[in-house]
Amino acid sequence: MDLNQLRHDESGERLAGGDLLVGADAIRAFLVYLGMPEDTDIYYLKRAGRWPIGSTNGGGRKGGGKLIASKRRLIRHAEEITRGTTPPKRRARTDQLELPAE
């Protein structure tokens, strides 16, 4: 068995199994398997908030915790993006004044 086949088998073992991916490396490997570039920055995808990637840290403070994601949700999100059905994420404006009711 050559080195490429061994790497492919190891990758298949990591991608098989349960739905939960733990750690940036596991998430990156799965996204590369789905067709994303190998240099994808998983931490950027998490910070941007558009991909279904969470953290075992909860959501409060920086540092600590590991990135987590569901294979099923990542697949669904990638399909929505490729079909163009994902609505753009809009930020709420806090500086808008409420208009009086007429």
PDB file of N, CA and C in Angstrom:
ATOM      1  N   MET A   1       0.856  -1.182   0.000  1.00  0.00           N
ATOM      2  CA  MET A   1       0.000   0.000   0.000  1.00  0.00           C
ATOM      3  C   MET A   1       0.896   1.237   0.000  1.00  0.00           C
ATOM      4  N   ASP A   2       0.622   2.184  -0.892  1.00  0.00           N
ATOM      5  CA  ASP A   2       1.454   3.378  -0.957  1.00  0.00           C
ATOM      6  C   ASP A   2       1.002   4.425   0.064  1.00  0.00           C
ATOM      7  N   LEU A   3       1.808   5.461   0.215  1.00  0.00           N
ATOM      8  CA  LEU A   3       1.556   6.498   1.215  1.00  0.00           C
ATOM      9  C   LEU A   3       0.242   7.227   0.969  1.00  0.00           C
ATOM     10  N   ASN A   4      -0.083   7.520  -0.297  1.00  0.00           N
ATOM     11  CA  ASN A   4      -1.344   8.203  -0.604  1.00  0.00           C
ATOM     12  C   ASN A   4      -2.552   7.367  -0.208  1.00  0.00           C
ATOM     13  N   GLN A   5      -2.487   6.060  -0.450  1.00  0.00           N
ATOM     14  CA  GLN A   5      -3.594   5.171  -0.079  1.00  0.00           C
ATOM     15  C   GLN A   5      -3.739   5.129   1.430  1.00  0.00           C
ATOM     16  N   LEU A   6      -2.623   5.079   2.149  1.00  0.00           N
ATOM     17  CA  LEU A   6      -2.657   5.064   3.609  1.00  0.00           C
ATOM     18  C   LEU A   6      -3.281   6.343   4.136  1.00  0.00           C
ATOM     19  N   ARG A   7      -2.865   7.497   3.565  1.00  0.00           N
ATOM     20  CA  ARG A   7      -3.438   8.775   3.978  1.00  0.00           C
ATOM     21  C   ARG A   7      -4.936   8.814   3.713  1.00  0.00           C
ATOM     22  N   HIS A   8      -5.361   8.297   2.545  1.00  0.00           N
ATOM     23  CA  HIS A   8      -6.776   8.274   2.186  1.00  0.00           C
ATOM     24  C   HIS A   8      -7.562   7.407   3.172  1.00  0.00           C
ATOM     25  N   ASP A   9      -7.004   6.245   3.547  1.00  0.00           N
ATOM     26  CA  ASP A   9      -7.681   5.356   4.492  1.00  0.00           C
ATOM     27  C   ASP A   9      -7.813   6.010   5.859  1.00  0.00           C
ATOM     28  N   GLU A  10      -6.746   6.682   6.321  1.00  0.00           N
ATOM     29  CA  GLU A  10      -6.803   7.370   7.601  1.00  0.00           C
ATOM     30  C   GLU A  10      -7.825   8.497   7.557  1.00  0.00           C
ATOM     31  N   SER A  11      -7.869   9.223   6.463  1.00  0.00           N
ATOM     32  CA  SER A  11      -8.825  10.304   6.301  1.00  0.00           C
ATOM     33  C   SER A  11     -10.244   9.753   6.316  1.00  0.00           C
ATOM     34  N   GLY A  12     -10.471   8.639   5.626  1.00  0.00           N
ATOM     35  CA  GLY A  12     -11.793   8.018   5.606  1.00  0.00           C
ATOM     36  C   GLY A  12     -12.244   7.593   6.984  1.00  0.00           C
ATOM     37  N   GLU A  13     -11.321   7.095   7.783  1.00  0.00           N
ATOM     38  CA  GLU A  13     -11.660   6.695   9.150  1.00  0.00           C
ATOM     39  C   GLU A  13     -12.064   7.907   9.984  1.00  0.00           C
ATOM     40  N   ARG A  14     -11.357   9.020   9.808  1.00  0.00           N
ATOM     41  CA  ARG A  14     -11.697  10.226  10.570  1.00  0.00           C
ATOM     42  C   ARG A  14     -13.041  10.783  10.154  1.00  0.00           C
ATOM     43  N   LEU A  15     -13.354  10.700   8.856  1.00  0.00           N
ATOM     44  CA  LEU A  15     -14.585  11.288   8.354  1.00  0.00           C
ATOM     45  C   LEU A  15     -15.784  10.375   8.563  1.00  0.00           C
ATOM     46  N   ALA A  16     -15.550   9.106   8.757  1.00  0.00           N
ATOM     47  CA  ALA A  16     -16.645   8.175   9.019  1.00  0.00           C
ATOM     48  C   ALA A  16     -17.026   8.274  10.493  1.00  0.00           C
ATOM     49  N   GLY A  17     -17.994   7.540  10.887  1.00  0.00           N
ATOM     50  CA  GLY A  17     -18.360   7.515  12.292  1.00  0.00           C
ATOM     51  C   GLY A  17     -19.499   8.454  12.590  1.00  0.00           C
ATOM     52  N   GLY A  18     -19.459   9.041  13.782  1.00  0.00           N
ATOM     53  CA  GLY A  18     -20.547   9.893  14.246  1.00  0.00           C
ATOM     54  C   GLY A  18     -20.649  11.216  13.512  1.00  0.00           C
ATOM     55  N   ASP A  19     -21.588  11.999  13.959  1.00  0.00           N
ATOM     56  CA  ASP A  19     -21.880  13.277  13.313  1.00  0.00           C
ATOM     57  C   ASP A  19     -21.010  14.416  13.845  1.00  0.00           C
ATOM     58  N   LEU A  20     -20.496  14.297  15.045  1.00  0.00           N
ATOM     59  CA  LEU A  20     -19.787  15.402  15.684  1.00  0.00           C
ATOM     60  C   LEU A  20     -18.316  15.448  15.298  1.00  0.00           C
ATOM     61  N   LEU A  21     -17.863  16.631  14.890  1.00  0.00           N
ATOM     62  CA  LEU A  21     -16.453  16.883  14.607  1.00  0.00           C
ATOM     63  C   LEU A  21     -15.913  17.753  15.734  1.00  0.00           C
ATOM     64  N   VAL A  22     -14.790  17.362  16.315  1.00  0.00           N
ATOM     65  CA  VAL A  22     -14.196  18.109  17.421  1.00  0.00           C
ATOM     66  C   VAL A  22     -12.802  18.551  17.019  1.00  0.00           C
ATOM     67  N   GLY A  23     -12.566  19.851  17.084  1.00  0.00           N
ATOM     68  CA  GLY A  23     -11.256  20.409  16.763  1.00  0.00           C
ATOM     69  C   GLY A  23     -11.207  20.989  15.363  1.00  0.00           C
ATOM     70  N   ALA A  24     -10.402  22.023  15.210  1.00  0.00           N
ATOM     71  CA  ALA A  24     -10.284  22.719  13.925  1.00  0.00           C
ATOM     72  C   ALA A  24      -9.751  21.796  12.836  1.00  0.00           C
ATOM     73  N   ASP A  25      -8.818  20.907  13.179  1.00  0.00           N
ATOM     74  CA  ASP A  25      -8.250  20.011  12.173  1.00  0.00           C
ATOM     75  C   ASP A  25      -9.299  19.047  11.620  1.00  0.00           C
ATOM     76  N   ALA A  26     -10.152  18.519  12.494  1.00  0.00           N
ATOM     77  CA  ALA A  26     -11.199  17.595  12.047  1.00  0.00           C
ATOM     78  C   ALA A  26     -12.218  18.324  11.171  1.00  0.00           C
ATOM     79  N   ILE A  27     -12.576  19.545  11.565  1.00  0.00           N
ATOM     80  CA  ILE A  27     -13.540  20.326  10.782  1.00  0.00           C
ATOM     81  C   ILE A  27     -12.940  20.682   9.428  1.00  0.00           C
ATOM     82  N   ARG A  28     -11.680  21.119   9.423  1.00  0.00           N
ATOM     83  CA  ARG A  28     -11.009  21.457   8.165  1.00  0.00           C
ATOM     84  C   ARG A  28     -10.951  20.242   7.243  1.00  0.00           C
ATOM     85  N   ALA A  29     -10.576  19.088   7.780  1.00  0.00           N
ATOM     86  CA  ALA A  29     -10.485  17.868   6.966  1.00  0.00           C
ATOM     87  C   ALA A  29     -11.839  17.542   6.338  1.00  0.00           C
ATOM     88  N   PHE A  30     -12.913  17.712   7.090  1.00  0.00           N
ATOM     89  CA  PHE A  30     -14.240  17.420   6.557  1.00  0.00           C
ATOM     90  C   PHE A  30     -14.629  18.421   5.475  1.00  0.00           C
ATOM     91  N   LEU A  31     -14.333  19.713   5.702  1.00  0.00           N
ATOM     92  CA  LEU A  31     -14.665  20.723   4.698  1.00  0.00           C
ATOM     93  C   LEU A  31     -13.839  20.531   3.429  1.00  0.00           C
ATOM     94  N   VAL A  32     -12.596  20.123   3.563  1.00  0.00           N
ATOM     95  CA  VAL A  32     -11.765  19.819   2.390  1.00  0.00           C
ATOM     96  C   VAL A  32     -12.365  18.623   1.650  1.00  0.00           C
ATOM     97  N   TYR A  33     -12.840  17.647   2.399  1.00  0.00           N
ATOM     98  CA  TYR A  33     -13.514  16.487   1.807  1.00  0.00           C
ATOM     99  C   TYR A  33     -14.742  16.934   1.009  1.00  0.00           C
ATOM    100  N   LEU A  34     -15.435  17.986   1.496  1.00  0.00           N
ATOM    101  CA  LEU A  34     -16.603  18.516   0.791  1.00  0.00           C
ATOM    102  C   LEU A  34     -16.227  19.389  -0.405  1.00  0.00           C
ATOM    103  N   GLY A  35     -14.939  19.758  -0.523  1.00  0.00           N
ATOM    104  CA  GLY A  35     -14.498  20.522  -1.684  1.00  0.00           C
ATOM    105  C   GLY A  35     -13.936  21.892  -1.397  1.00  0.00           C
ATOM    106  N   MET A  36     -13.797  22.263  -0.135  1.00  0.00           N
ATOM    107  CA  MET A  36     -13.212  23.563   0.180  1.00  0.00           C
ATOM    108  C   MET A  36     -11.693  23.486   0.051  1.00  0.00           C
ATOM    109  N   PRO A  37     -11.037  24.630  -0.150  1.00  0.00           N
ATOM    110  CA  PRO A  37      -9.570  24.635  -0.263  1.00  0.00           C
ATOM    111  C   PRO A  37      -8.902  24.161   1.029  1.00  0.00           C
ATOM    112  N   GLU A  38      -7.734  23.560   0.886  1.00  0.00           N
ATOM    113  CA  GLU A  38      -7.020  23.029   2.045  1.00  0.00           C
ATOM    114  C   GLU A  38      -6.548  24.112   3.005  1.00  0.00           C
ATOM    115  N   ASP A  39      -6.396  25.351   2.523  1.00  0.00           N
ATOM    116  CA  ASP A  39      -5.917  26.420   3.409  1.00  0.00           C
ATOM    117  C   ASP A  39      -7.074  27.195   4.058  1.00  0.00           C
ATOM    118  N   THR A  40      -8.261  26.610   4.091  1.00  0.00           N
ATOM    119  CA  THR A  40      -9.421  27.254   4.709  1.00  0.00           C
ATOM    120  C   THR A  40      -9.145  27.527   6.181  1.00  0.00           C
ATOM    121  N   ASP A  41      -9.406  28.752   6.608  1.00  0.00           N
ATOM    122  CA  ASP A  41      -9.200  29.149   7.997  1.00  0.00           C
ATOM    123  C   ASP A  41     -10.491  28.897   8.779  1.00  0.00           C
ATOM    124  N   ILE A  42     -10.512  27.830   9.523  1.00  0.00           N
ATOM    125  CA  ILE A  42     -11.702  27.430  10.276  1.00  0.00           C
ATOM    126  C   ILE A  42     -12.032  28.464  11.347  1.00  0.00           C
ATOM    127  N   TYR A  43     -11.010  29.058  11.950  1.00  0.00           N
ATOM    128  CA  TYR A  43     -11.252  30.058  12.985  1.00  0.00           C
ATOM    129  C   TYR A  43     -11.918  31.301  12.397  1.00  0.00           C
ATOM    130  N   TYR A  44     -11.581  31.641  11.151  1.00  0.00           N
ATOM    131  CA  TYR A  44     -12.253  32.765  10.491  1.00  0.00           C
ATOM    132  C   TYR A  44     -13.722  32.422  10.240  1.00  0.00           C
ATOM    133  N   LEU A  45     -13.982  31.212   9.759  1.00  0.00           N
ATOM    134  CA  LEU A  45     -15.370  30.806   9.521  1.00  0.00           C
ATOM    135  C   LEU A  45     -16.181  30.884  10.809  1.00  0.00           C
ATOM    136  N   LYS A  46     -15.578  30.509  11.919  1.00  0.00           N
ATOM    137  CA  LYS A  46     -16.256  30.578  13.226  1.00  0.00           C
ATOM    138  C   LYS A  46     -16.505  32.030  13.616  1.00  0.00           C
ATOM    139  N   ARG A  47     -15.465  32.874  13.504  1.00  0.00           N
ATOM    140  CA  ARG A  47     -15.599  34.290  13.889  1.00  0.00           C
ATOM    141  C   ARG A  47     -16.631  35.006  13.040  1.00  0.00           C
ATOM    142  N   ALA A  48     -16.678  34.694  11.746  1.00  0.00           N
ATOM    143  CA  ALA A  48     -17.618  35.364  10.850  1.00  0.00           C
ATOM    144  C   ALA A  48     -19.058  35.016  11.206  1.00  0.00           C
ATOM    145  N   GLY A  49     -19.271  33.878  11.822  1.00  0.00           N
ATOM    146  CA  GLY A  49     -20.595  33.511  12.287  1.00  0.00           C
ATOM    147  C   GLY A  49     -21.552  33.026  11.211  1.00  0.00           C
ATOM    148  N   ARG A  50     -21.057  32.774  10.011  1.00  0.00           N
ATOM    149  CA  ARG A  50     -21.940  32.327   8.931  1.00  0.00           C
ATOM    150  C   ARG A  50     -21.953  30.819   8.755  1.00  0.00           C
ATOM    151  N   TRP A  51     -21.005  30.140   9.338  1.00  0.00           N
ATOM    152  CA  TRP A  51     -20.948  28.685   9.257  1.00  0.00           C
ATOM    153  C   TRP A  51     -21.386  28.097  10.588  1.00  0.00           C
ATOM    154  N   PRO A  52     -22.035  26.933  10.581  1.00  0.00           N
ATOM    155  CA  PRO A  52     -22.506  26.317  11.830  1.00  0.00           C
ATOM    156  C   PRO A  52     -21.363  25.637  12.585  1.00  0.00           C
ATOM    157  N   ILE A  53     -20.485  26.468  13.130  1.00  0.00           N
ATOM    158  CA  ILE A  53     -19.350  25.978  13.897  1.00  0.00           C
ATOM    159  C   ILE A  53     -19.451  26.599  15.285  1.00  0.00           C
ATOM    160  N   GLY A  54     -19.388  25.751  16.300  1.00  0.00           N
ATOM    161  CA  GLY A  54     -19.498  26.221  17.674  1.00  0.00           C
ATOM    162  C   GLY A  54     -18.211  25.991  18.433  1.00  0.00           C
ATOM    163  N   SER A  55     -18.298  26.167  19.738  1.00  0.00           N
ATOM    164  CA  SER A  55     -17.143  25.981  20.593  1.00  0.00           C
ATOM    165  C   SER A  55     -17.577  25.313  21.887  1.00  0.00           C
ATOM    166  N   THR A  56     -16.713  24.470  22.425  1.00  0.00           N
ATOM    167  CA  THR A  56     -17.017  23.842  23.711  1.00  0.00           C
ATOM    168  C   THR A  56     -16.869  24.849  24.842  1.00  0.00           C
ATOM    169  N   ASN A  57     -16.353  26.020  24.525  1.00  0.00           N
ATOM    170  CA  ASN A  57     -16.181  27.084  25.499  1.00  0.00           C
ATOM    171  C   ASN A  57     -17.512  27.748  25.840  1.00  0.00           C
ATOM    172  N   GLY A  58     -18.521  27.519  25.077  1.00  0.00           N
ATOM    173  CA  GLY A  58     -19.815  28.138  25.322  1.00  0.00           C
ATOM    174  C   GLY A  58     -20.053  29.247  24.346  1.00  0.00           C
ATOM    175  N   GLY A  59     -19.550  30.380  24.600  1.00  0.00           N
ATOM    176  CA  GLY A  59     -19.748  31.475  23.672  1.00  0.00           C
ATOM    177  C   GLY A  59     -19.252  32.766  24.269  1.00  0.00           C
ATOM    178  N   GLY A  60     -18.897  32.724  25.500  1.00  0.00           N
ATOM    179  CA  GLY A  60     -18.481  33.940  26.169  1.00  0.00           C
ATOM    180  C   GLY A  60     -17.068  34.354  25.870  1.00  0.00           C
ATOM    181  N   ARG A  61     -16.158  33.961  26.710  1.00  0.00           N
ATOM    182  CA  ARG A  61     -14.795  34.468  26.652  1.00  0.00           C
ATOM    183  C   ARG A  61     -13.948  33.757  25.619  1.00  0.00           C
ATOM    184  N   LYS A  62     -12.922  34.480  25.157  1.00  0.00           N
ATOM    185  CA  LYS A  62     -11.996  33.898  24.185  1.00  0.00           C
ATOM    186  C   LYS A  62     -11.070  32.922  24.887  1.00  0.00           C
ATOM    187  N   GLY A  63     -10.518  32.036  24.078  1.00  0.00           N
ATOM    188  CA  GLY A  63      -9.558  31.079  24.614  1.00  0.00           C
ATOM    189  C   GLY A  63     -10.255  29.877  25.216  1.00  0.00           C
ATOM    190  N   GLY A  64      -9.513  28.817  25.376  1.00  0.00           N
ATOM    191  CA  GLY A  64     -10.084  27.612  25.944  1.00  0.00           C
ATOM    192  C   GLY A  64     -11.110  27.003  25.007  1.00  0.00           C
ATOM    193  N   GLY A  65     -11.489  25.805  25.282  1.00  0.00           N
ATOM    194  CA  GLY A  65     -12.502  25.148  24.477  1.00  0.00           C
ATOM    195  C   GLY A  65     -11.984  24.732  23.115  1.00  0.00           C
ATOM    196  N   LYS A  66     -12.710  23.846  22.497  1.00  0.00           N
ATOM    197  CA  LYS A  66     -12.382  23.365  21.153  1.00  0.00           C
ATOM    198  C   LYS A  66     -13.523  23.704  20.226  1.00  0.00           C
ATOM    199  N   LEU A  67     -13.204  23.841  18.949  1.00  0.00           N
ATOM    200  CA  LEU A  67     -14.247  24.069  17.959  1.00  0.00           C
ATOM    201  C   LEU A  67     -14.991  22.762  17.725  1.00  0.00           C
ATOM    202  N   ILE A  68     -16.301  22.859  17.536  1.00  0.00           N
ATOM    203  CA  ILE A  68     -17.124  21.690  17.271  1.00  0.00           C
ATOM    204  C   ILE A  68     -18.083  21.998  16.127  1.00  0.00           C
ATOM    205  N   ALA A  69     -18.449  20.967  15.393  1.00  0.00           N
ATOM    206  CA  ALA A  69     -19.408  21.146  14.303  1.00  0.00           C
ATOM    207  C   ALA A  69     -20.072  19.806  13.998  1.00  0.00           C
ATOM    208  N   SER A  70     -21.254  19.887  13.447  1.00  0.00           N
ATOM    209  CA  SER A  70     -22.001  18.717  13.022  1.00  0.00           C
ATOM    210  C   SER A  70     -21.770  18.508  11.526  1.00  0.00           C
ATOM    211  N   LYS A  71     -21.407  17.293  11.139  1.00  0.00           N
ATOM    212  CA  LYS A  71     -21.203  16.996   9.719  1.00  0.00           C
ATOM    213  C   LYS A  71     -22.477  17.286   8.932  1.00  0.00           C
ATOM    214  N   ARG A  72     -23.611  16.871   9.474  1.00  0.00           N
ATOM    215  CA  ARG A  72     -24.890  17.051   8.799  1.00  0.00           C
ATOM    216  C   ARG A  72     -25.194  18.522   8.563  1.00  0.00           C
ATOM    217  N   ARG A  73     -24.952  19.370   9.572  1.00  0.00           N
ATOM    218  CA  ARG A  73     -25.222  20.804   9.436  1.00  0.00           C
ATOM    219  C   ARG A  73     -24.238  21.469   8.481  1.00  0.00           C
ATOM    220  N   LEU A  74     -22.973  21.030   8.487  1.00  0.00           N
ATOM    221  CA  LEU A  74     -21.998  21.582   7.545  1.00  0.00           C
ATOM    222  C   LEU A  74     -22.381  21.236   6.108  1.00  0.00           C
ATOM    223  N   ILE A  75     -22.810  19.997   5.887  1.00  0.00           N
ATOM    224  CA  ILE A  75     -23.234  19.584   4.549  1.00  0.00           C
ATOM    225  C   ILE A  75     -24.433  20.412   4.099  1.00  0.00           C
ATOM    226  N   ARG A  76     -25.424  20.564   4.979  1.00  0.00           N
ATOM    227  CA  ARG A  76     -26.620  21.337   4.629  1.00  0.00           C
ATOM    228  C   ARG A  76     -26.265  22.790   4.325  1.00  0.00           C
ATOM    229  N   HIS A  77     -25.377  23.372   5.112  1.00  0.00           N
ATOM    230  CA  HIS A  77     -24.973  24.762   4.893  1.00  0.00           C
ATOM    231  C   HIS A  77     -24.244  24.915   3.557  1.00  0.00           C
ATOM    232  N   ALA A  78     -23.330  23.985   3.259  1.00  0.00           N
ATOM    233  CA  ALA A  78     -22.597  24.031   1.986  1.00  0.00           C
ATOM    234  C   ALA A  78     -23.566  23.894   0.808  1.00  0.00           C
ATOM    235  N   GLU A  79     -24.562  23.028   0.936  1.00  0.00           N
ATOM    236  CA  GLU A  79     -25.548  22.868  -0.140  1.00  0.00           C
ATOM    237  C   GLU A  79     -26.368  24.145  -0.322  1.00  0.00           C
ATOM    238  N   GLU A  80     -26.742  24.786   0.781  1.00  0.00           N
ATOM    239  CA  GLU A  80     -27.509  26.034   0.687  1.00  0.00           C
ATOM    240  C   GLU A  80     -26.692  27.124  -0.003  1.00  0.00           C
ATOM    241  N   ILE A  81     -25.411  27.183   0.308  1.00  0.00           N
ATOM    242  CA  ILE A  81     -24.547  28.187  -0.321  1.00  0.00           C
ATOM    243  C   ILE A  81     -24.435  27.924  -1.821  1.00  0.00           C
ATOM    244  N   THR A  82     -24.223  26.668  -2.189  1.00  0.00           N
ATOM    245  CA  THR A  82     -24.047  26.365  -3.609  1.00  0.00           C
ATOM    246  C   THR A  82     -25.339  26.554  -4.404  1.00  0.00           C
ATOM    247  N   ARG A  83     -26.484  26.393  -3.752  1.00  0.00           N
ATOM    248  CA  ARG A  83     -27.767  26.628  -4.428  1.00  0.00           C
ATOM    249  C   ARG A  83     -28.161  28.096  -4.397  1.00  0.00           C
ATOM    250  N   GLY A  84     -27.510  28.860  -3.541  1.00  0.00           N
ATOM    251  CA  GLY A  84     -27.835  30.278  -3.425  1.00  0.00           C
ATOM    252  C   GLY A  84     -29.084  30.539  -2.616  1.00  0.00           C
ATOM    253  N   THR A  85     -29.437  29.633  -1.704  1.00  0.00           N
ATOM    254  CA  THR A  85     -30.652  29.805  -0.914  1.00  0.00           C
ATOM    255  C   THR A  85     -30.399  30.341   0.483  1.00  0.00           C
ATOM    256  N   THR A  86     -29.141  30.580   0.830  1.00  0.00           N
ATOM    257  CA  THR A  86     -28.834  31.109   2.152  1.00  0.00           C
ATOM    258  C   THR A  86     -29.055  32.615   2.157  1.00  0.00           C
ATOM    259  N   PRO A  87     -29.974  33.099   2.989  1.00  0.00           N
ATOM    260  CA  PRO A  87     -30.162  34.546   3.039  1.00  0.00           C
ATOM    261  C   PRO A  87     -28.951  35.208   3.684  1.00  0.00           C
ATOM    262  N   PRO A  88     -28.608  36.416   3.259  1.00  0.00           N
ATOM    263  CA  PRO A  88     -27.458  37.089   3.872  1.00  0.00           C
ATOM    264  C   PRO A  88     -27.738  37.384   5.327  1.00  0.00           C
ATOM    265  N   LYS A  89     -26.723  37.246   6.144  1.00  0.00           N
ATOM    266  CA  LYS A  89     -26.858  37.534   7.558  1.00  0.00           C
ATOM    267  C   LYS A  89     -26.767  39.041   7.745  1.00  0.00           C
ATOM    268  N   ARG A  90     -27.750  39.603   8.365  1.00  0.00           N
ATOM    269  CA  ARG A  90     -27.778  41.053   8.562  1.00  0.00           C
ATOM    270  C   ARG A  90     -27.580  41.377  10.029  1.00  0.00           C
ATOM    271  N   ARG A  91     -26.844  42.416  10.261  1.00  0.00           N
ATOM    272  CA  ARG A  91     -26.611  42.862  11.628  1.00  0.00           C
ATOM    273  C   ARG A  91     -27.687  43.862  12.008  1.00  0.00           C
ATOM    274  N   ALA A  92     -28.116  43.789  13.225  1.00  0.00           N
ATOM    275  CA  ALA A  92     -29.115  44.733  13.714  1.00  0.00           C
ATOM    276  C   ALA A  92     -28.452  46.089  13.915  1.00  0.00           C
ATOM    277  N   ARG A  93     -29.158  47.130  13.544  1.00  0.00           N
ATOM    278  CA  ARG A  93     -28.622  48.474  13.751  1.00  0.00           C
ATOM    279  C   ARG A  93     -29.117  48.978  15.091  1.00  0.00           C
ATOM    280  N   THR A  94     -28.182  49.371  15.908  1.00  0.00           N
ATOM    281  CA  THR A  94     -28.551  49.854  17.238  1.00  0.00           C
ATOM    282  C   THR A  94     -28.707  51.359  17.273  1.00  0.00           C
ATOM    283  N   ASP A  95     -28.283  52.035  16.194  1.00  0.00           N
ATOM    284  CA  ASP A  95     -28.354  53.489  16.191  1.00  0.00           C
ATOM    285  C   ASP A  95     -29.620  54.023  15.514  1.00  0.00           C
ATOM    286  N   GLN A  96     -30.514  53.146  15.111  1.00  0.00           N
ATOM    287  CA  GLN A  96     -31.736  53.595  14.454  1.00  0.00           C
ATOM    288  C   GLN A  96     -32.720  54.112  15.501  1.00  0.00           C
ATOM    289  N   LEU A  97     -33.368  55.191  15.154  1.00  0.00           N
ATOM    290  CA  LEU A  97     -34.392  55.723  16.030  1.00  0.00           C
ATOM    291  C   LEU A  97     -35.748  55.156  15.623  1.00  0.00           C
ATOM    292  N   GLU A  98     -36.574  54.908  16.597  1.00  0.00           N
ATOM    293  CA  GLU A  98     -37.903  54.436  16.284  1.00  0.00           C
ATOM    294  C   GLU A  98     -38.746  55.605  15.806  1.00  0.00           C
ATOM    295  N   LEU A  99     -39.494  55.388  14.757  1.00  0.00           N
ATOM    296  CA  LEU A  99     -40.375  56.409  14.246  1.00  0.00           C
ATOM    297  C   LEU A  99     -41.701  56.350  14.992  1.00  0.00           C
ATOM    298  N   PRO A 100     -42.276  57.502  15.272  1.00  0.00           N
ATOM    299  CA  PRO A 100     -43.557  57.495  15.992  1.00  0.00           C
ATOM    300  C   PRO A 100     -44.650  56.881  15.112  1.00  0.00           C
ATOM    301  N   ALA A 101     -45.568  56.173  15.749  1.00  0.00           N
ATOM    302  CA  ALA A 101     -46.681  55.570  15.005  1.00  0.00           C
ATOM    303  C   ALA A 101     -47.629  56.667  14.543  1.00  0.00           C
ATOM    304  N   GLU A 102     -48.161  56.478  13.368  1.00  0.00           N
ATOM    305  CA  GLU A 102     -49.081  57.495  12.821  1.00  0.00           C
ATOM    306  C   GLU A 102     -50.496  57.193  13.168  1.00  0.00           C
TER     307      GLU A 102
END
